[in-house]
Amino acid sequence: MFERLKEQWVYGGFLFGLVLLGLWPLLNQSLSRPGSLVLLALSVYAIHQYEEHDDNRFQRFVSETLAPRGIGLSKSELFWINVVLVWGGLGLVLWLVERHHQGWIALGSALLLVNVVAHLVQFILKRKTNPGLWSSLFLMLPLGSAMAIEACKITSAAPVVAAFLFIVAVHIFLLWRMKRPEV
């Protein structure tokens, strides 16, 4: 069963995103504004992942475009990155925002906005669309921007910059991992 979950996570995630979006007005009432935005980010990110990963689009894109001589990312790695790091990470950010300090929203905004920049850079450099480009521009960019503005109201620049540097470092590590040569 776990193997099938690793293979098909994106479809359950898409449905999860739609359910969260439908429940957002109800759940939103018990959250702070930053928490409400993070909860919305969980939904938006799951919908974005459907555009990006349906029919194995992202994995093919990586193999053909980003890492043609590298080993890319396996379906198992994509599962762990997207389900554990992204969903779990946003869940943790929501928990931290509501239970520790609202400034943690900076990490959620960085996750969305760095992903948007990655899609835009690929689009500009390759001069062609990439899986996830449209949802990153029309869903993640406005929401990530609202989250970044909220973060700047709540906390100083240092945690916001640190959050963005951390997410950029994670993306650089993943790019390096994709491009590593096959042994």
N, C-alpha and C. Protein backbone atom coordinates (compact mmCIF):
# COMPACT_ATOMS: atom_id res chain seq x y z
N MET A 1 0.81 -1.19 0.00
CA MET A 1 0.00 0.00 0.00
C MET A 1 0.86 1.27 0.00
N PHE A 2 1.94 1.29 0.77
CA PHE A 2 2.78 2.48 0.85
C PHE A 2 3.39 2.79 -0.51
N GLU A 3 3.75 1.76 -1.26
CA GLU A 3 4.31 1.98 -2.60
C GLU A 3 3.31 2.70 -3.49
N ARG A 4 2.03 2.30 -3.41
CA ARG A 4 1.00 2.96 -4.22
C ARG A 4 0.81 4.40 -3.76
N LEU A 5 0.89 4.65 -2.45
CA LEU A 5 0.79 6.02 -1.95
C LEU A 5 1.93 6.87 -2.49
N LYS A 6 3.14 6.32 -2.52
CA LYS A 6 4.29 7.06 -3.06
C LYS A 6 4.11 7.34 -4.55
N GLU A 7 3.46 6.44 -5.26
CA GLU A 7 3.25 6.61 -6.70
C GLU A 7 2.13 7.60 -7.01
N GLN A 8 1.09 7.64 -6.17
CA GLN A 8 -0.14 8.38 -6.49
C GLN A 8 -0.44 9.54 -5.54
N TRP A 9 0.53 9.96 -4.75
CA TRP A 9 0.30 10.97 -3.73
C TRP A 9 -0.34 12.24 -4.28
N VAL A 10 0.00 12.62 -5.50
CA VAL A 10 -0.44 13.89 -6.05
C VAL A 10 -1.96 13.96 -6.19
N TYR A 11 -2.61 12.83 -6.44
CA TYR A 11 -4.06 12.84 -6.64
C TYR A 11 -4.80 12.99 -5.30
N GLY A 12 -4.32 12.31 -4.29
CA GLY A 12 -4.88 12.51 -2.96
C GLY A 12 -4.61 13.92 -2.48
N GLY A 13 -3.43 14.44 -2.80
CA GLY A 13 -3.07 15.80 -2.41
C GLY A 13 -3.98 16.84 -3.05
N PHE A 14 -4.31 16.62 -4.32
CA PHE A 14 -5.19 17.55 -5.01
C PHE A 14 -6.56 17.59 -4.33
N LEU A 15 -7.08 16.40 -4.02
CA LEU A 15 -8.38 16.33 -3.33
C LEU A 15 -8.29 16.95 -1.93
N PHE A 16 -7.19 16.67 -1.23
CA PHE A 16 -6.94 17.26 0.08
C PHE A 16 -6.93 18.78 -0.03
N GLY A 17 -6.29 19.31 -1.06
CA GLY A 17 -6.24 20.76 -1.27
C GLY A 17 -7.62 21.35 -1.49
N LEU A 18 -8.45 20.65 -2.28
CA LEU A 18 -9.81 21.14 -2.53
C LEU A 18 -10.66 21.10 -1.26
N VAL A 19 -10.52 20.02 -0.49
CA VAL A 19 -11.27 19.91 0.77
C VAL A 19 -10.85 21.02 1.73
N LEU A 20 -9.54 21.24 1.87
CA LEU A 20 -9.06 22.31 2.75
C LEU A 20 -9.57 23.67 2.28
N LEU A 21 -9.58 23.87 0.97
CA LEU A 21 -10.08 25.13 0.42
C LEU A 21 -11.55 25.32 0.77
N GLY A 22 -12.33 24.25 0.66
CA GLY A 22 -13.74 24.31 1.02
C GLY A 22 -13.97 24.55 2.49
N LEU A 23 -13.11 23.99 3.33
CA LEU A 23 -13.23 24.15 4.79
C LEU A 23 -12.59 25.44 5.29
N TRP A 24 -11.82 26.10 4.46
CA TRP A 24 -11.05 27.27 4.88
C TRP A 24 -11.91 28.33 5.57
N PRO A 25 -13.09 28.68 5.04
CA PRO A 25 -13.88 29.70 5.74
C PRO A 25 -14.25 29.30 7.18
N LEU A 26 -14.48 28.03 7.39
CA LEU A 26 -14.83 27.55 8.73
C LEU A 26 -13.60 27.49 9.64
N LEU A 27 -12.52 26.86 9.15
CA LEU A 27 -11.30 26.71 9.95
C LEU A 27 -10.63 28.06 10.22
N ASN A 28 -10.73 28.93 9.26
CA ASN A 28 -10.13 30.25 9.32
C ASN A 28 -10.60 31.04 10.54
N GLN A 29 -11.81 30.80 10.99
CA GLN A 29 -12.38 31.57 12.10
C GLN A 29 -11.64 31.39 13.41
N SER A 30 -10.96 30.28 13.58
CA SER A 30 -10.28 30.03 14.85
C SER A 30 -8.78 30.33 14.77
N LEU A 31 -8.34 30.90 13.64
CA LEU A 31 -6.91 31.16 13.45
C LEU A 31 -6.62 32.65 13.40
N SER A 32 -5.39 33.00 13.71
CA SER A 32 -4.92 34.37 13.50
C SER A 32 -4.84 34.62 12.00
N ARG A 33 -4.67 35.87 11.61
CA ARG A 33 -4.53 36.16 10.17
C ARG A 33 -3.33 35.41 9.57
N PRO A 34 -2.16 35.44 10.20
CA PRO A 34 -1.04 34.67 9.65
C PRO A 34 -1.35 33.17 9.56
N GLY A 35 -1.98 32.62 10.59
CA GLY A 35 -2.34 31.21 10.56
C GLY A 35 -3.31 30.89 9.45
N SER A 36 -4.26 31.78 9.23
CA SER A 36 -5.24 31.61 8.16
C SER A 36 -4.56 31.59 6.79
N LEU A 37 -3.58 32.45 6.61
CA LEU A 37 -2.84 32.49 5.34
C LEU A 37 -2.02 31.22 5.15
N VAL A 38 -1.42 30.70 6.21
CA VAL A 38 -0.65 29.46 6.11
C VAL A 38 -1.57 28.29 5.78
N LEU A 39 -2.73 28.24 6.39
CA LEU A 39 -3.69 27.19 6.07
C LEU A 39 -4.10 27.27 4.61
N LEU A 40 -4.33 28.46 4.12
CA LEU A 40 -4.66 28.64 2.70
C LEU A 40 -3.48 28.21 1.82
N ALA A 41 -2.27 28.46 2.28
CA ALA A 41 -1.07 28.05 1.52
C ALA A 41 -1.00 26.53 1.39
N LEU A 42 -1.38 25.81 2.43
CA LEU A 42 -1.41 24.35 2.34
C LEU A 42 -2.32 23.89 1.21
N SER A 43 -3.48 24.50 1.11
CA SER A 43 -4.44 24.16 0.07
C SER A 43 -3.90 24.54 -1.32
N VAL A 44 -3.42 25.76 -1.45
CA VAL A 44 -2.91 26.25 -2.72
C VAL A 44 -1.72 25.42 -3.18
N TYR A 45 -0.83 25.07 -2.26
CA TYR A 45 0.35 24.29 -2.64
C TYR A 45 -0.06 22.90 -3.14
N ALA A 46 -1.05 22.28 -2.50
CA ALA A 46 -1.50 20.96 -2.94
C ALA A 46 -2.11 21.03 -4.34
N ILE A 47 -2.84 22.10 -4.63
CA ILE A 47 -3.41 22.29 -5.97
C ILE A 47 -2.29 22.54 -6.98
N HIS A 48 -1.31 23.34 -6.61
CA HIS A 48 -0.13 23.58 -7.46
C HIS A 48 0.59 22.27 -7.78
N GLN A 49 0.74 21.43 -6.77
CA GLN A 49 1.44 20.16 -6.99
C GLN A 49 0.73 19.28 -8.01
N TYR A 50 -0.59 19.38 -8.07
CA TYR A 50 -1.32 18.61 -9.08
C TYR A 50 -0.92 19.07 -10.48
N GLU A 51 -0.91 20.39 -10.71
CA GLU A 51 -0.48 20.89 -12.02
C GLU A 51 0.95 20.45 -12.32
N GLU A 52 1.78 20.47 -11.32
CA GLU A 52 3.20 20.19 -11.49
C GLU A 52 3.49 18.70 -11.70
N HIS A 53 2.80 17.83 -10.97
CA HIS A 53 3.19 16.42 -10.93
C HIS A 53 2.23 15.45 -11.60
N ASP A 54 1.02 15.89 -11.99
CA ASP A 54 0.09 14.98 -12.66
C ASP A 54 0.77 14.34 -13.88
N ASP A 55 0.48 13.08 -14.08
CA ASP A 55 1.03 12.34 -15.23
C ASP A 55 2.56 12.40 -15.26
N ASN A 56 3.17 12.54 -14.09
CA ASN A 56 4.62 12.50 -13.97
C ASN A 56 5.32 13.65 -14.73
N ARG A 57 4.61 14.76 -14.91
CA ARG A 57 5.15 15.88 -15.70
C ARG A 57 6.46 16.42 -15.14
N PHE A 58 6.52 16.64 -13.83
CA PHE A 58 7.72 17.23 -13.25
C PHE A 58 8.93 16.32 -13.40
N GLN A 59 8.74 15.04 -13.14
CA GLN A 59 9.85 14.11 -13.24
C GLN A 59 10.38 14.06 -14.68
N ARG A 60 9.49 14.06 -15.66
CA ARG A 60 9.92 14.08 -17.06
C ARG A 60 10.63 15.38 -17.39
N PHE A 61 10.09 16.50 -16.89
CA PHE A 61 10.71 17.80 -17.13
C PHE A 61 12.13 17.84 -16.57
N VAL A 62 12.29 17.34 -15.36
CA VAL A 62 13.62 17.31 -14.74
C VAL A 62 14.57 16.47 -15.59
N SER A 63 14.13 15.29 -16.00
CA SER A 63 14.98 14.39 -16.77
C SER A 63 15.36 14.97 -18.13
N GLU A 64 14.43 15.65 -18.76
CA GLU A 64 14.68 16.17 -20.11
C GLU A 64 15.37 17.53 -20.11
N THR A 65 15.08 18.36 -19.11
CA THR A 65 15.49 19.75 -19.16
C THR A 65 16.53 20.14 -18.12
N LEU A 66 16.25 19.82 -16.87
CA LEU A 66 17.13 20.29 -15.79
C LEU A 66 18.32 19.38 -15.54
N ALA A 67 18.14 18.09 -15.73
CA ALA A 67 19.20 17.14 -15.40
C ALA A 67 19.31 16.05 -16.47
N PRO A 68 19.53 16.43 -17.74
CA PRO A 68 19.56 15.40 -18.78
C PRO A 68 20.68 14.37 -18.61
N ARG A 69 21.77 14.75 -17.94
CA ARG A 69 22.86 13.80 -17.72
C ARG A 69 22.96 13.38 -16.26
N GLY A 70 22.02 13.87 -15.46
CA GLY A 70 22.00 13.51 -14.04
C GLY A 70 20.95 12.45 -13.78
N ILE A 71 20.82 12.09 -12.54
CA ILE A 71 19.86 11.02 -12.24
C ILE A 71 18.48 11.56 -11.89
N GLY A 72 18.32 12.88 -11.80
CA GLY A 72 17.01 13.47 -11.54
C GLY A 72 16.53 13.16 -10.13
N LEU A 73 15.23 12.99 -10.01
CA LEU A 73 14.62 12.66 -8.73
C LEU A 73 13.69 11.47 -8.93
N SER A 74 13.79 10.52 -8.04
CA SER A 74 12.94 9.33 -8.13
C SER A 74 11.53 9.67 -7.64
N LYS A 75 10.57 8.80 -7.96
CA LYS A 75 9.21 9.00 -7.47
C LYS A 75 9.19 8.98 -5.94
N SER A 76 10.02 8.16 -5.36
CA SER A 76 10.11 8.10 -3.91
C SER A 76 10.62 9.43 -3.34
N GLU A 77 11.66 9.99 -3.95
CA GLU A 77 12.19 11.27 -3.49
C GLU A 77 11.14 12.38 -3.64
N LEU A 78 10.41 12.36 -4.75
CA LEU A 78 9.37 13.36 -4.96
C LEU A 78 8.28 13.26 -3.89
N PHE A 79 7.94 12.04 -3.52
CA PHE A 79 6.96 11.84 -2.44
C PHE A 79 7.46 12.47 -1.15
N TRP A 80 8.68 12.14 -0.74
CA TRP A 80 9.21 12.64 0.52
C TRP A 80 9.35 14.16 0.51
N ILE A 81 9.78 14.71 -0.62
CA ILE A 81 9.94 16.17 -0.72
C ILE A 81 8.59 16.86 -0.60
N ASN A 82 7.62 16.39 -1.37
CA ASN A 82 6.34 17.09 -1.46
C ASN A 82 5.40 16.80 -0.30
N VAL A 83 5.34 15.57 0.14
CA VAL A 83 4.42 15.24 1.22
C VAL A 83 5.03 15.58 2.58
N VAL A 84 6.22 15.11 2.82
CA VAL A 84 6.81 15.31 4.15
C VAL A 84 7.35 16.73 4.30
N LEU A 85 8.19 17.18 3.36
CA LEU A 85 8.80 18.50 3.53
C LEU A 85 7.82 19.65 3.29
N VAL A 86 7.03 19.57 2.21
CA VAL A 86 6.13 20.69 1.90
C VAL A 86 4.89 20.66 2.79
N TRP A 87 4.12 19.57 2.73
CA TRP A 87 2.90 19.52 3.56
C TRP A 87 3.25 19.53 5.04
N GLY A 88 4.20 18.68 5.42
CA GLY A 88 4.61 18.64 6.83
C GLY A 88 5.22 19.96 7.26
N GLY A 89 6.02 20.57 6.37
CA GLY A 89 6.64 21.86 6.68
C GLY A 89 5.61 22.95 6.88
N LEU A 90 4.62 23.01 5.98
CA LEU A 90 3.58 24.03 6.14
C LEU A 90 2.71 23.74 7.37
N GLY A 91 2.48 22.46 7.65
CA GLY A 91 1.75 22.11 8.87
C GLY A 91 2.51 22.57 10.11
N LEU A 92 3.82 22.36 10.11
CA LEU A 92 4.66 22.82 11.22
C LEU A 92 4.65 24.35 11.33
N VAL A 93 4.74 25.02 10.18
CA VAL A 93 4.69 26.48 10.19
C VAL A 93 3.36 26.95 10.79
N LEU A 94 2.26 26.32 10.40
CA LEU A 94 0.95 26.68 10.95
C LEU A 94 0.95 26.51 12.47
N TRP A 95 1.47 25.39 12.93
CA TRP A 95 1.54 25.12 14.36
C TRP A 95 2.39 26.19 15.06
N LEU A 96 3.57 26.50 14.49
CA LEU A 96 4.47 27.49 15.09
C LEU A 96 3.83 28.88 15.11
N VAL A 97 3.14 29.24 14.02
CA VAL A 97 2.47 30.54 13.95
C VAL A 97 1.41 30.67 15.04
N GLU A 98 0.65 29.61 15.25
CA GLU A 98 -0.46 29.66 16.21
C GLU A 98 -0.02 29.42 17.65
N ARG A 99 1.08 28.72 17.87
CA ARG A 99 1.46 28.36 19.23
C ARG A 99 2.74 29.02 19.73
N HIS A 100 3.55 29.56 18.82
CA HIS A 100 4.83 30.12 19.25
C HIS A 100 4.94 31.60 18.89
N HIS A 101 5.08 31.91 17.62
CA HIS A 101 5.23 33.30 17.18
C HIS A 101 4.73 33.43 15.75
N GLN A 102 3.92 34.43 15.50
CA GLN A 102 3.33 34.60 14.18
C GLN A 102 4.36 34.91 13.09
N GLY A 103 5.54 35.33 13.49
CA GLY A 103 6.61 35.61 12.54
C GLY A 103 7.05 34.40 11.72
N TRP A 104 6.69 33.21 12.20
CA TRP A 104 7.04 32.00 11.45
C TRP A 104 6.37 31.96 10.08
N ILE A 105 5.40 32.82 9.85
CA ILE A 105 4.77 32.90 8.53
C ILE A 105 5.81 33.20 7.45
N ALA A 106 6.92 33.82 7.84
CA ALA A 106 7.99 34.13 6.87
C ALA A 106 8.48 32.86 6.17
N LEU A 107 8.57 31.78 6.91
CA LEU A 107 9.03 30.52 6.31
C LEU A 107 8.02 30.01 5.27
N GLY A 108 6.74 30.12 5.58
CA GLY A 108 5.72 29.72 4.61
C GLY A 108 5.74 30.60 3.37
N SER A 109 5.88 31.90 3.56
CA SER A 109 5.93 32.80 2.40
C SER A 109 7.16 32.51 1.55
N ALA A 110 8.28 32.23 2.18
CA ALA A 110 9.50 31.90 1.44
C ALA A 110 9.32 30.64 0.61
N LEU A 111 8.67 29.64 1.19
CA LEU A 111 8.43 28.39 0.47
C LEU A 111 7.65 28.66 -0.81
N LEU A 112 6.60 29.45 -0.73
CA LEU A 112 5.80 29.75 -1.92
C LEU A 112 6.57 30.62 -2.91
N LEU A 113 7.16 31.71 -2.44
CA LEU A 113 7.77 32.67 -3.35
C LEU A 113 9.05 32.17 -4.00
N VAL A 114 9.85 31.40 -3.29
CA VAL A 114 11.05 30.83 -3.91
C VAL A 114 10.65 29.83 -5.00
N ASN A 115 9.58 29.09 -4.77
CA ASN A 115 9.08 28.18 -5.78
C ASN A 115 8.62 28.95 -7.02
N VAL A 116 7.94 30.07 -6.82
CA VAL A 116 7.51 30.91 -7.94
C VAL A 116 8.71 31.38 -8.73
N VAL A 117 9.73 31.87 -8.05
CA VAL A 117 10.94 32.34 -8.73
C VAL A 117 11.60 31.21 -9.51
N ALA A 118 11.65 30.00 -8.92
CA ALA A 118 12.24 28.86 -9.62
C ALA A 118 11.47 28.57 -10.92
N HIS A 119 10.16 28.63 -10.88
CA HIS A 119 9.37 28.41 -12.09
C HIS A 119 9.61 29.51 -13.12
N LEU A 120 9.68 30.75 -12.66
CA LEU A 120 9.92 31.87 -13.58
C LEU A 120 11.31 31.80 -14.21
N VAL A 121 12.32 31.49 -13.42
CA VAL A 121 13.68 31.38 -13.95
C VAL A 121 13.75 30.28 -15.01
N GLN A 122 13.12 29.14 -14.74
CA GLN A 122 13.09 28.06 -15.74
C GLN A 122 12.40 28.53 -17.01
N PHE A 123 11.30 29.24 -16.86
CA PHE A 123 10.54 29.74 -18.01
C PHE A 123 11.40 30.70 -18.84
N ILE A 124 12.09 31.61 -18.17
CA ILE A 124 12.92 32.60 -18.86
C ILE A 124 14.12 31.93 -19.53
N LEU A 125 14.82 31.05 -18.81
CA LEU A 125 16.02 30.42 -19.37
C LEU A 125 15.71 29.43 -20.48
N LYS A 126 14.65 28.66 -20.32
CA LYS A 126 14.32 27.61 -21.31
C LYS A 126 13.37 28.11 -22.39
N ARG A 127 12.78 29.27 -22.17
CA ARG A 127 11.82 29.87 -23.11
C ARG A 127 10.66 28.93 -23.45
N LYS A 128 10.23 28.20 -22.43
CA LYS A 128 9.05 27.36 -22.58
C LYS A 128 8.43 27.15 -21.21
N THR A 129 7.14 26.84 -21.22
CA THR A 129 6.46 26.64 -19.95
C THR A 129 7.00 25.40 -19.25
N ASN A 130 6.74 25.33 -17.99
CA ASN A 130 7.18 24.19 -17.19
C ASN A 130 6.04 23.76 -16.30
N PRO A 131 6.05 22.50 -15.86
CA PRO A 131 4.96 22.02 -15.01
C PRO A 131 4.87 22.81 -13.70
N GLY A 132 3.71 23.38 -13.46
CA GLY A 132 3.49 24.16 -12.25
C GLY A 132 3.61 25.66 -12.44
N LEU A 133 4.00 26.11 -13.63
CA LEU A 133 4.22 27.55 -13.86
C LEU A 133 2.95 28.37 -13.61
N TRP A 134 1.83 27.95 -14.16
CA TRP A 134 0.62 28.78 -14.11
C TRP A 134 0.06 28.88 -12.70
N SER A 135 0.00 27.77 -11.99
CA SER A 135 -0.52 27.86 -10.62
C SER A 135 0.45 28.61 -9.71
N SER A 136 1.74 28.54 -10.02
CA SER A 136 2.68 29.32 -9.20
C SER A 136 2.47 30.81 -9.43
N LEU A 137 2.19 31.21 -10.66
CA LEU A 137 1.99 32.63 -10.95
C LEU A 137 0.64 33.15 -10.44
N PHE A 138 -0.41 32.38 -10.66
CA PHE A 138 -1.75 32.88 -10.37
C PHE A 138 -2.27 32.54 -8.98
N LEU A 139 -1.69 31.56 -8.32
CA LEU A 139 -2.11 31.21 -6.96
C LEU A 139 -1.02 31.51 -5.93
N MET A 140 0.18 31.00 -6.18
CA MET A 140 1.23 31.09 -5.17
C MET A 140 1.85 32.50 -5.08
N LEU A 141 1.98 33.18 -6.20
CA LEU A 141 2.58 34.53 -6.16
C LEU A 141 1.73 35.51 -5.34
N PRO A 142 0.41 35.61 -5.60
CA PRO A 142 -0.35 36.55 -4.76
C PRO A 142 -0.42 36.13 -3.29
N LEU A 143 -0.61 34.84 -3.04
CA LEU A 143 -0.69 34.39 -1.65
C LEU A 143 0.66 34.52 -0.94
N GLY A 144 1.73 34.10 -1.60
CA GLY A 144 3.06 34.23 -1.01
C GLY A 144 3.43 35.68 -0.73
N SER A 145 3.01 36.57 -1.62
CA SER A 145 3.26 38.01 -1.42
C SER A 145 2.49 38.53 -0.22
N ALA A 146 1.22 38.13 -0.10
CA ALA A 146 0.42 38.54 1.07
C ALA A 146 1.05 38.02 2.35
N MET A 147 1.57 36.79 2.31
CA MET A 147 2.22 36.21 3.49
C MET A 147 3.51 36.97 3.83
N ALA A 148 4.27 37.34 2.79
CA ALA A 148 5.52 38.08 3.03
C ALA A 148 5.23 39.45 3.63
N ILE A 149 4.19 40.11 3.12
CA ILE A 149 3.80 41.41 3.68
C ILE A 149 3.39 41.26 5.14
N GLU A 150 2.63 40.22 5.43
CA GLU A 150 2.22 39.94 6.81
C GLU A 150 3.45 39.69 7.69
N ALA A 151 4.40 38.91 7.17
CA ALA A 151 5.62 38.62 7.94
C ALA A 151 6.38 39.89 8.26
N CYS A 152 6.47 40.80 7.27
CA CYS A 152 7.20 42.05 7.49
C CYS A 152 6.51 42.96 8.51
N LYS A 153 5.18 42.83 8.66
CA LYS A 153 4.46 43.60 9.68
C LYS A 153 4.72 43.05 11.07
N ILE A 154 4.96 41.74 11.16
CA ILE A 154 5.02 41.06 12.45
C ILE A 154 6.42 41.00 13.04
N THR A 155 7.40 40.83 12.17
CA THR A 155 8.76 40.56 12.66
C THR A 155 9.77 41.44 11.94
N SER A 156 11.00 41.40 12.39
CA SER A 156 12.06 42.20 11.77
C SER A 156 12.52 41.55 10.48
N ALA A 157 13.37 42.24 9.76
CA ALA A 157 13.86 41.75 8.47
C ALA A 157 14.72 40.49 8.62
N ALA A 158 15.45 40.36 9.70
CA ALA A 158 16.38 39.24 9.85
C ALA A 158 15.70 37.87 9.74
N PRO A 159 14.61 37.60 10.45
CA PRO A 159 13.96 36.29 10.30
C PRO A 159 13.38 36.07 8.89
N VAL A 160 12.91 37.14 8.27
CA VAL A 160 12.35 37.03 6.92
C VAL A 160 13.47 36.66 5.95
N VAL A 161 14.58 37.36 6.04
CA VAL A 161 15.73 37.06 5.17
C VAL A 161 16.24 35.65 5.45
N ALA A 162 16.33 35.27 6.70
CA ALA A 162 16.80 33.93 7.06
C ALA A 162 15.89 32.86 6.48
N ALA A 163 14.58 33.09 6.53
CA ALA A 163 13.62 32.12 5.97
C ALA A 163 13.85 31.96 4.47
N PHE A 164 14.02 33.07 3.76
CA PHE A 164 14.24 33.00 2.32
C PHE A 164 15.57 32.32 1.99
N LEU A 165 16.61 32.64 2.74
CA LEU A 165 17.92 32.00 2.50
C LEU A 165 17.84 30.50 2.75
N PHE A 166 17.11 30.09 3.77
CA PHE A 166 16.96 28.66 4.05
C PHE A 166 16.25 27.96 2.90
N ILE A 167 15.15 28.51 2.42
CA ILE A 167 14.39 27.87 1.33
C ILE A 167 15.20 27.89 0.03
N VAL A 168 15.94 28.95 -0.23
CA VAL A 168 16.82 28.98 -1.41
C VAL A 168 17.87 27.88 -1.29
N ALA A 169 18.46 27.70 -0.12
CA ALA A 169 19.46 26.65 0.10
C ALA A 169 18.85 25.27 -0.16
N VAL A 170 17.62 25.05 0.29
CA VAL A 170 16.95 23.76 0.05
C VAL A 170 16.78 23.55 -1.45
N HIS A 171 16.36 24.58 -2.19
CA HIS A 171 16.20 24.44 -3.64
C HIS A 171 17.54 24.18 -4.33
N ILE A 172 18.58 24.84 -3.90
CA ILE A 172 19.91 24.62 -4.48
C ILE A 172 20.36 23.18 -4.22
N PHE A 173 20.14 22.70 -3.01
CA PHE A 173 20.49 21.31 -2.69
C PHE A 173 19.73 20.34 -3.59
N LEU A 174 18.43 20.57 -3.76
CA LEU A 174 17.63 19.68 -4.61
C LEU A 174 18.08 19.72 -6.06
N LEU A 175 18.44 20.90 -6.55
CA LEU A 175 18.95 21.02 -7.92
C LEU A 175 20.27 20.27 -8.06
N TRP A 176 21.14 20.42 -7.08
CA TRP A 176 22.40 19.68 -7.09
C TRP A 176 22.13 18.17 -7.09
N ARG A 177 21.18 17.76 -6.27
CA ARG A 177 20.84 16.33 -6.16
C ARG A 177 20.30 15.80 -7.49
N MET A 178 19.51 16.60 -8.18
CA MET A 178 18.96 16.17 -9.48
C MET A 178 20.07 16.02 -10.52
N LYS A 179 21.04 16.92 -10.46
CA LYS A 179 22.07 16.96 -11.51
C LYS A 179 23.25 16.06 -11.23
N ARG A 180 23.27 15.39 -10.08
CA ARG A 180 24.41 14.51 -9.80
C ARG A 180 24.47 13.42 -10.86
N PRO A 181 25.66 13.09 -11.31
CA PRO A 181 25.78 12.09 -12.38
C PRO A 181 25.41 10.69 -11.92
N GLU A 182 24.91 9.93 -12.87
CA GLU A 182 24.62 8.52 -12.55
C GLU A 182 25.91 7.78 -12.32
N VAL A 183 25.91 6.91 -11.36
CA VAL A 183 27.12 6.16 -11.03
C VAL A 183 27.00 4.76 -11.60
